[in-house]
Amino acid sequence: MRQTLTQEFAKIYGASDGLRFFFAPGRVNLIGEHTDYNGGHVFPCALTIGTYAAVKERTDKIVNFYSMNIPTSGVISIDLNNELKPSKELRWAAYPAGVIWAFAQKGMKLDHGFDILFNGNIPNSSGLSSSASIEVLTGFTLRSLYGFDISNVDLALIGQFSENKFNGMNCGIMDQFASSMGKKDHAIFLDCATLNYEYASVKMPDAKIVITNSKVKHHLVDSAYNDRRNESEQALKDLQTVCNIKTLGDLTNEEYDKHADVIKDPVCKKRAKHAVYENQRTIEAVKALAAGDIKHFGELMNQSHISLRDDYEVSCKEIDVLVDSAWKQPGVVGSRITGGGFGGCTVSIVKNEYIDAFIENVGKEYTEKTGLTAEFYVVEIGDGPYEL
């Protein structure tokens, strides 16, 4: 990868001496979807696929961005002497530019610029957090180049802050946290209300994680993602009239059922039910994994999908075809939509000896029913960001 980055950097920017190379992973969430901004628990892991960067410092105040994944955008430049504001001209570079803006908002201003070249091997718009990967990668790079004294948890928070405030995407903390805090062969059991977390070993000698890309692109900023957040917040306000809670994640299933009728809007009621039940499912799933009960873990994944499909309504026809097909296959422990929704990917746990048949059968049925060709990735759980 270093050689590829070096050659391309020299082609785009001229000289390639003094280059430094960095990586930050994408992530997949095993269970706990749309619970992060609802004050619940999530259970993501970092992947060994992600985003790479080659960087060279400059002596002036110009920062140049180039992506090998979107070469038609060419080099996008900003001048650190000017106030950085969101604009359509930034296009994809709004993600790394937003992190530079967020660093400045936190009192960490850059005294000189740099040239940076990105190359990611996360499929675009797949729901595996290519945006969070770029944000964490940019933050990690800035910390390394300029010597800022901040932790990896800070990198996650800055990435989220930039996406919320600069890019207008009202996401929770999960994606950036999973990328910045990843640990090989472990998932992160994260309480999004407190940021307390623990690593849980996900060594499955008899099975692997298979991600299936529906090739249906979601664009969450323009989609119903922010609507879901607003609907959940309205449900929380209604519940707070009778319950002493800060977030939906504070409720047990029984407490929710007891007070659900206080939620006036039936749509908001469904959203809250998902947030509460999914949080409890996630807590239960981590216990099941620790006890070696992978069968129960898979059952909870399946329940998660049904809830995301029916109560949170973030699935779509194509994703449901993939999940329904996966559930019918031998050797499948569990399968569900993963990520923000409205397309993207499913995550399945499949017994090793059935993986080839799973890919063939699900792929065939998906094409027959949708006319689309799915992509399959048998993934490994990797570490957080590092310098190559």
Protein backbone atom coordinates (compact mmCIF):
# COMPACT_ATOMS: atom_id res chain seq x y z
CA MET A 1 0.00 0.00 0.00
CA ARG A 2 2.86 2.41 0.79
CA GLN A 3 4.22 1.99 -2.74
CA THR A 4 0.81 2.65 -4.32
CA LEU A 5 0.30 5.75 -2.16
CA THR A 6 3.82 7.04 -2.87
CA GLN A 7 3.48 6.66 -6.64
CA GLU A 8 0.08 8.32 -6.73
CA PHE A 9 1.20 11.12 -4.39
CA ALA A 10 4.16 11.89 -6.67
CA LYS A 11 1.82 11.95 -9.67
CA ILE A 12 -0.66 14.33 -8.02
CA TYR A 13 1.60 16.59 -5.94
CA GLY A 14 5.04 16.24 -7.54
CA ALA A 15 7.70 15.27 -4.98
CA SER A 16 7.07 12.39 -2.57
CA ASP A 17 10.03 12.80 -0.20
CA GLY A 18 9.27 13.07 3.53
CA LEU A 19 5.93 11.26 3.24
CA ARG A 20 4.21 9.76 6.28
CA PHE A 21 1.53 7.09 6.04
CA PHE A 22 -1.51 6.52 8.26
CA PHE A 23 -4.50 4.18 8.49
CA ALA A 24 -7.88 4.19 10.26
CA PRO A 25 -10.39 1.32 10.05
CA GLY A 26 -14.00 1.09 9.02
CA ARG A 27 -16.38 -0.67 11.37
CA VAL A 28 -19.27 -3.07 11.47
CA ASN A 29 -21.81 -3.07 14.27
CA LEU A 30 -22.72 -6.57 15.43
CA ILE A 31 -25.78 -5.44 17.40
CA GLY A 32 -27.12 -2.23 18.95
CA GLU A 33 -28.36 -0.13 16.03
CA HIS A 34 -29.70 3.42 16.46
CA THR A 35 -29.15 3.08 20.20
CA ASP A 36 -26.06 5.32 20.34
CA TYR A 37 -27.84 8.69 20.18
CA ASN A 38 -30.62 7.23 22.34
CA GLY A 39 -28.25 6.75 25.28
CA GLY A 40 -27.99 2.99 24.93
CA HIS A 41 -25.30 0.39 24.32
CA VAL A 42 -23.67 -0.62 21.05
CA PHE A 43 -21.39 -3.51 20.11
CA PRO A 44 -19.25 -2.59 17.09
CA CYS A 45 -15.82 -3.77 16.00
CA ALA A 46 -13.15 -2.21 13.82
CA LEU A 47 -12.31 -3.96 10.56
CA THR A 48 -9.02 -4.56 8.79
CA ILE A 49 -10.41 -2.59 5.83
CA GLY A 50 -10.44 1.18 6.11
CA THR A 51 -8.80 4.35 4.80
CA TYR A 52 -5.10 5.01 4.16
CA ALA A 53 -3.41 8.38 3.80
CA ALA A 54 -0.08 9.68 2.56
CA VAL A 55 0.78 13.10 4.00
CA LYS A 56 3.46 15.70 3.45
CA GLU A 57 3.74 18.91 5.44
CA ARG A 58 3.87 22.29 3.71
CA THR A 59 5.48 25.55 4.83
CA ASP A 60 2.49 27.73 3.82
CA LYS A 61 -1.12 27.73 5.06
CA ILE A 62 -2.62 25.65 2.23
CA VAL A 63 -4.16 22.21 2.79
CA ASN A 64 -4.73 20.06 -0.30
CA PHE A 65 -6.98 16.99 -0.33
CA TYR A 66 -7.06 14.28 -2.99
CA SER A 67 -8.91 10.96 -3.00
CA MET A 68 -7.89 8.02 -5.17
CA ASN A 69 -11.47 6.79 -4.73
CA ILE A 70 -12.98 9.94 -6.26
CA PRO A 71 -10.33 11.08 -8.77
CA THR A 72 -12.86 13.10 -10.78
CA SER A 73 -12.99 15.62 -7.91
CA GLY A 74 -9.31 16.43 -8.45
CA VAL A 75 -7.36 18.29 -5.74
CA ILE A 76 -9.56 20.25 -3.33
CA SER A 77 -7.78 23.07 -1.48
CA ILE A 78 -8.45 25.19 1.59
CA ASP A 79 -6.50 28.15 2.95
CA LEU A 80 -6.01 28.11 6.73
CA ASN A 81 -5.81 31.93 6.66
CA ASN A 82 -9.51 32.01 5.78
CA GLU A 83 -12.39 31.01 8.03
CA LEU A 84 -13.39 27.43 7.23
CA LYS A 85 -17.09 27.05 6.51
CA PRO A 86 -19.24 24.23 5.08
CA SER A 87 -19.68 24.60 1.33
CA LYS A 88 -20.75 22.46 -1.62
CA GLU A 89 -17.35 23.11 -3.25
CA LEU A 90 -15.70 20.91 -0.60
CA ARG A 91 -17.67 17.85 -1.79
CA TRP A 92 -16.24 14.67 -0.13
CA ALA A 93 -13.42 16.75 1.46
CA ALA A 94 -16.02 18.24 3.82
CA TYR A 95 -15.23 15.26 6.10
CA PRO A 96 -11.48 15.89 6.60
CA ALA A 97 -11.98 19.68 6.38
CA GLY A 98 -14.65 19.40 9.09
CA VAL A 99 -12.12 17.73 11.39
CA ILE A 100 -9.62 20.57 10.84
CA TRP A 101 -12.46 22.99 11.65
CA ALA A 102 -13.35 20.98 14.78
CA PHE A 103 -9.73 20.98 15.98
CA ALA A 104 -9.69 24.78 15.64
CA GLN A 105 -12.99 25.03 17.54
CA LYS A 106 -11.33 23.10 20.37
CA GLY A 107 -8.37 25.52 20.38
CA MET A 108 -6.01 23.41 18.25
CA LYS A 109 -5.19 25.58 15.24
CA LEU A 110 -2.78 24.47 12.54
CA ASP A 111 0.20 26.80 11.99
CA HIS A 112 1.01 25.34 8.56
CA GLY A 113 -0.67 23.25 5.89
CA PHE A 114 -0.10 19.85 4.28
CA ASP A 115 -0.85 17.79 1.20
CA ILE A 116 -2.83 14.62 1.82
CA LEU A 117 -3.86 11.74 -0.41
CA PHE A 118 -6.55 9.28 0.70
CA ASN A 119 -7.18 5.76 -0.53
CA GLY A 120 -9.91 3.67 1.07
CA ASN A 121 -10.87 0.04 0.57
CA ILE A 122 -14.27 0.43 2.25
CA PRO A 123 -17.00 0.32 -0.41
CA ASN A 124 -18.61 3.77 -0.80
CA SER A 125 -22.06 4.27 0.76
CA SER A 126 -22.01 0.74 2.17
CA GLY A 127 -22.75 1.66 5.78
CA LEU A 128 -19.32 0.50 7.01
CA SER A 129 -18.43 4.03 8.09
CA SER A 130 -16.08 5.31 5.43
CA SER A 131 -16.89 8.84 6.67
CA ALA A 132 -15.97 8.04 10.30
CA SER A 133 -12.83 6.28 9.07
CA ILE A 134 -11.75 9.45 7.21
CA GLU A 135 -12.58 11.63 10.22
CA VAL A 136 -10.60 9.47 12.66
CA LEU A 137 -7.75 9.15 10.16
CA THR A 138 -7.61 12.92 9.73
CA GLY A 139 -7.68 13.50 13.48
CA PHE A 140 -5.00 10.88 14.10
CA THR A 141 -2.85 12.45 11.36
CA LEU A 142 -3.26 15.96 12.81
CA ARG A 143 -2.32 14.71 16.27
CA SER A 144 0.78 13.00 14.86
CA LEU A 145 1.91 15.92 12.66
CA TYR A 146 1.27 18.78 15.07
CA GLY A 147 1.83 17.06 18.43
CA PHE A 148 -1.59 17.77 19.92
CA ASP A 149 -2.04 16.17 23.35
CA ILE A 150 -5.35 14.34 22.95
CA SER A 151 -6.50 10.73 23.42
CA ASN A 152 -8.12 8.34 20.96
CA VAL A 153 -11.44 8.90 22.75
CA ASP A 154 -10.97 12.63 22.03
CA LEU A 155 -10.40 11.77 18.35
CA ALA A 156 -13.77 9.99 18.30
CA LEU A 157 -15.55 12.92 19.96
CA ILE A 158 -13.94 15.44 17.60
CA GLY A 159 -14.95 13.30 14.60
CA GLN A 160 -18.55 13.17 15.84
CA PHE A 161 -18.54 16.92 16.60
CA SER A 162 -17.34 17.71 13.08
CA GLU A 163 -19.94 15.45 11.47
CA ASN A 164 -22.74 16.93 13.60
CA LYS A 165 -21.79 20.61 13.40
CA PHE A 166 -19.85 20.96 10.14
CA ASN A 167 -21.55 18.34 7.96
CA GLY A 168 -25.04 18.51 9.45
CA MET A 169 -25.28 14.77 10.06
CA ASN A 170 -26.75 14.23 13.51
CA CYS A 171 -24.95 10.92 14.14
CA GLY A 172 -24.16 9.33 17.50
CA ILE A 173 -20.67 8.46 18.75
CA MET A 174 -20.53 4.78 17.72
CA ASP A 175 -18.86 4.96 14.30
CA GLN A 176 -16.00 7.24 15.29
CA PHE A 177 -15.51 5.40 18.61
CA ALA A 178 -15.29 2.02 16.90
CA SER A 179 -12.73 3.33 14.41
CA SER A 180 -10.57 5.17 16.96
CA MET A 181 -10.72 2.52 19.72
CA GLY A 182 -10.66 -0.72 17.70
CA LYS A 183 -8.80 -3.76 19.04
CA LYS A 184 -7.92 -6.90 17.07
CA ASP A 185 -10.28 -9.86 17.67
CA HIS A 186 -12.44 -7.78 20.03
CA ALA A 187 -15.70 -5.87 19.78
CA ILE A 188 -16.36 -2.81 21.93
CA PHE A 189 -19.25 -2.91 24.40
CA LEU A 190 -19.89 0.83 24.69
CA ASP A 191 -22.37 2.67 26.87
CA CYS A 192 -23.03 5.72 24.68
CA ALA A 193 -24.53 7.73 27.56
CA THR A 194 -21.34 7.60 29.66
CA LEU A 195 -18.65 6.46 27.16
CA ASN A 196 -17.78 3.66 29.58
CA TYR A 197 -16.59 0.73 27.49
CA GLU A 198 -15.07 -2.70 27.71
CA TYR A 199 -13.54 -5.00 25.11
CA ALA A 200 -15.19 -8.36 24.52
CA SER A 201 -13.32 -11.14 22.77
CA VAL A 202 -14.96 -12.19 19.51
CA LYS A 203 -12.89 -15.24 18.69
CA MET A 204 -15.13 -17.65 16.84
CA PRO A 205 -13.02 -20.61 15.71
CA ASP A 206 -15.97 -22.24 13.94
CA ALA A 207 -17.56 -19.18 12.28
CA LYS A 208 -16.77 -15.90 10.57
CA ILE A 209 -18.38 -12.50 10.08
CA VAL A 210 -19.68 -12.08 6.53
CA ILE A 211 -20.73 -8.63 5.35
CA THR A 212 -23.05 -8.46 2.35
CA ASN A 213 -23.23 -5.19 0.42
CA SER A 214 -26.67 -4.65 -1.13
CA LYS A 215 -25.14 -2.08 -3.51
CA VAL A 216 -28.10 0.14 -2.65
CA LYS A 217 -26.55 3.48 -1.76
CA HIS A 218 -27.85 5.38 1.23
CA HIS A 219 -27.19 9.07 1.80
CA LEU A 220 -27.97 9.56 5.44
CA VAL A 221 -27.71 13.36 5.57
CA ASP A 222 -30.55 13.59 3.04
CA SER A 223 -32.46 10.60 4.35
CA ALA A 224 -34.79 9.90 7.22
CA TYR A 225 -31.90 9.41 9.68
CA ASN A 226 -32.37 12.83 11.30
CA ASP A 227 -36.15 12.22 11.31
CA ARG A 228 -35.63 9.04 13.34
CA ARG A 229 -33.57 10.97 15.83
CA ASN A 230 -36.24 13.67 16.18
CA GLU A 231 -38.99 11.05 16.59
CA SER A 232 -36.99 9.31 19.33
CA GLU A 233 -36.40 12.63 21.10
CA GLN A 234 -40.13 13.41 21.02
CA ALA A 235 -40.89 9.99 22.54
CA LEU A 236 -38.31 10.67 25.25
CA LYS A 237 -39.95 14.01 26.09
CA ASP A 238 -43.34 12.33 26.45
CA LEU A 239 -41.89 9.57 28.67
CA GLN A 240 -40.09 12.14 30.84
CA THR A 241 -43.48 13.47 31.95
CA VAL A 242 -43.92 10.23 33.94
CA CYS A 243 -40.38 8.74 34.20
CA ASN A 244 -37.24 10.20 35.77
CA ILE A 245 -34.95 9.36 32.83
CA LYS A 246 -32.29 11.16 30.80
CA THR A 247 -32.34 8.84 27.76
CA LEU A 248 -34.40 6.00 26.32
CA GLY A 249 -31.47 3.77 27.23
CA ASP A 250 -32.36 4.25 30.91
CA LEU A 251 -35.51 2.13 30.55
CA THR A 252 -35.95 -1.62 30.83
CA ASN A 253 -38.42 -3.32 28.48
CA GLU A 254 -40.90 -3.70 31.35
CA GLU A 255 -40.67 0.00 32.29
CA TYR A 256 -41.19 1.00 28.68
CA ASP A 257 -44.24 -1.28 28.30
CA LYS A 258 -45.74 0.16 31.49
CA HIS A 259 -45.47 3.78 30.34
CA ALA A 260 -45.59 3.52 26.52
CA ASP A 261 -49.13 4.90 26.25
CA VAL A 262 -47.91 8.32 27.39
CA ILE A 263 -46.24 8.67 23.95
CA LYS A 264 -48.89 10.45 21.88
CA ASP A 265 -47.65 9.81 18.34
CA PRO A 266 -47.88 6.12 17.30
CA VAL A 267 -44.78 6.48 15.06
CA CYS A 268 -42.73 7.92 17.93
CA LYS A 269 -43.97 5.06 20.12
CA LYS A 270 -42.56 2.50 17.66
CA ARG A 271 -39.22 4.33 17.50
CA ALA A 272 -38.92 4.35 21.29
CA LYS A 273 -39.82 0.68 21.52
CA HIS A 274 -36.96 -0.18 19.17
CA ALA A 275 -34.47 1.99 21.08
CA VAL A 276 -35.37 0.45 24.46
CA TYR A 277 -35.64 -3.18 23.32
CA GLU A 278 -32.52 -2.98 21.12
CA ASN A 279 -30.50 -1.66 24.05
CA GLN A 280 -31.59 -4.58 26.22
CA ARG A 281 -30.90 -7.01 23.36
CA THR A 282 -27.37 -5.66 23.09
CA ILE A 283 -26.68 -6.09 26.81
CA GLU A 284 -28.06 -9.65 26.60
CA ALA A 285 -26.04 -10.44 23.46
CA VAL A 286 -22.74 -9.47 25.06
CA LYS A 287 -23.53 -11.73 28.04
CA ALA A 288 -24.39 -14.57 25.64
CA LEU A 289 -21.09 -14.14 23.80
CA ALA A 290 -19.14 -14.13 27.07
CA ALA A 291 -20.89 -17.38 28.04
CA GLY A 292 -19.97 -18.92 24.67
CA ASP A 293 -23.65 -19.07 23.64
CA ILE A 294 -23.23 -17.97 20.03
CA LYS A 295 -26.61 -19.50 19.13
CA HIS A 296 -28.43 -17.04 21.40
CA PHE A 297 -26.25 -14.19 20.12
CA GLY A 298 -27.47 -15.03 16.61
CA GLU A 299 -31.11 -15.15 17.69
CA LEU A 300 -30.74 -11.66 19.15
CA MET A 301 -29.21 -10.43 15.87
CA ASN A 302 -32.29 -11.74 14.04
CA GLN A 303 -34.63 -10.02 16.51
CA SER A 304 -32.65 -6.82 16.01
CA HIS A 305 -33.33 -6.91 12.28
CA ILE A 306 -37.07 -7.46 12.75
CA SER A 307 -37.20 -4.46 15.08
CA LEU A 308 -35.18 -2.27 12.69
CA ARG A 309 -37.48 -3.34 9.85
CA ASP A 310 -40.84 -2.98 11.61
CA ASP A 311 -40.45 -0.52 14.52
CA TYR A 312 -37.60 1.74 13.39
CA GLU A 313 -38.34 1.31 9.68
CA VAL A 314 -34.78 1.80 8.44
CA SER A 315 -34.56 -1.31 6.30
CA CYS A 316 -35.57 -1.52 2.63
CA LYS A 317 -36.77 -4.15 0.17
CA GLU A 318 -33.29 -5.13 -1.00
CA ILE A 319 -31.87 -5.52 2.52
CA ASP A 320 -34.88 -7.59 3.59
CA VAL A 321 -34.29 -9.94 0.63
CA LEU A 322 -30.68 -10.43 1.78
CA VAL A 323 -31.64 -11.06 5.41
CA ASP A 324 -34.58 -13.36 4.59
CA SER A 325 -32.32 -15.36 2.28
CA ALA A 326 -29.57 -15.54 4.91
CA TRP A 327 -32.00 -16.85 7.54
CA LYS A 328 -32.86 -19.80 5.26
CA GLN A 329 -29.24 -20.88 4.72
CA PRO A 330 -27.63 -23.73 6.70
CA GLY A 331 -24.81 -22.67 9.01
CA VAL A 332 -26.13 -19.12 9.56
CA VAL A 333 -25.99 -18.18 13.24
CA GLY A 334 -27.66 -14.79 12.74
CA SER A 335 -28.11 -12.01 10.18
CA ARG A 336 -29.29 -8.39 10.27
CA ILE A 337 -29.00 -4.99 8.66
CA THR A 338 -26.01 -3.03 9.96
CA GLY A 339 -25.26 0.68 9.90
CA GLY A 340 -27.62 3.62 9.56
CA GLY A 341 -29.97 1.82 7.20
CA PHE A 342 -31.84 2.70 3.99
CA GLY A 343 -29.54 0.39 2.05
CA GLY A 344 -25.94 -0.49 2.75
CA CYS A 345 -24.95 -3.83 4.23
CA THR A 346 -26.06 -6.80 6.25
CA VAL A 347 -23.86 -8.56 8.79
CA SER A 348 -24.11 -12.32 9.21
CA ILE A 349 -22.28 -14.85 11.35
CA VAL A 350 -21.78 -18.00 9.28
CA LYS A 351 -20.22 -21.34 10.19
CA ASN A 352 -16.94 -21.80 8.29
CA GLU A 353 -17.91 -24.86 6.25
CA TYR A 354 -21.06 -23.12 4.93
CA ILE A 355 -19.54 -19.78 3.86
CA ASP A 356 -19.05 -20.64 0.17
CA ALA A 357 -22.60 -22.01 -0.15
CA PHE A 358 -23.96 -18.97 1.74
CA ILE A 359 -22.32 -16.56 -0.71
CA GLU A 360 -23.50 -18.53 -3.73
CA ASN A 361 -27.09 -19.06 -2.57
CA VAL A 362 -27.76 -15.61 -1.12
CA GLY A 363 -26.10 -13.95 -4.12
CA LYS A 364 -28.21 -15.94 -6.57
CA GLU A 365 -31.51 -15.28 -4.79
CA TYR A 366 -30.70 -11.57 -4.42
CA THR A 367 -30.05 -11.17 -8.14
CA GLU A 368 -33.21 -13.12 -9.03
CA LYS A 369 -35.39 -10.97 -6.77
CA THR A 370 -33.82 -7.51 -7.25
CA GLY A 371 -31.76 -7.61 -10.45
CA LEU A 372 -28.77 -6.38 -8.44
CA THR A 373 -25.44 -8.09 -7.72
CA ALA A 374 -24.44 -8.22 -4.04
CA GLU A 375 -20.84 -8.12 -2.87
CA PHE A 376 -19.62 -10.31 -0.01
CA TYR A 377 -16.70 -9.67 2.36
CA VAL A 378 -15.49 -12.25 4.86
CA VAL A 379 -13.95 -9.83 7.35
CA GLU A 380 -11.48 -9.84 10.21
CA ILE A 381 -11.63 -7.66 13.30
CA GLY A 382 -8.69 -5.29 13.42
CA ASP A 383 -7.04 -2.50 15.42
CA GLY A 384 -7.76 1.21 15.59
CA PRO A 385 -5.69 3.89 13.77
CA TYR A 386 -1.93 3.64 13.39
CA GLU A 387 1.02 5.03 11.46
CA LEU A 388 2.40 2.64 8.84
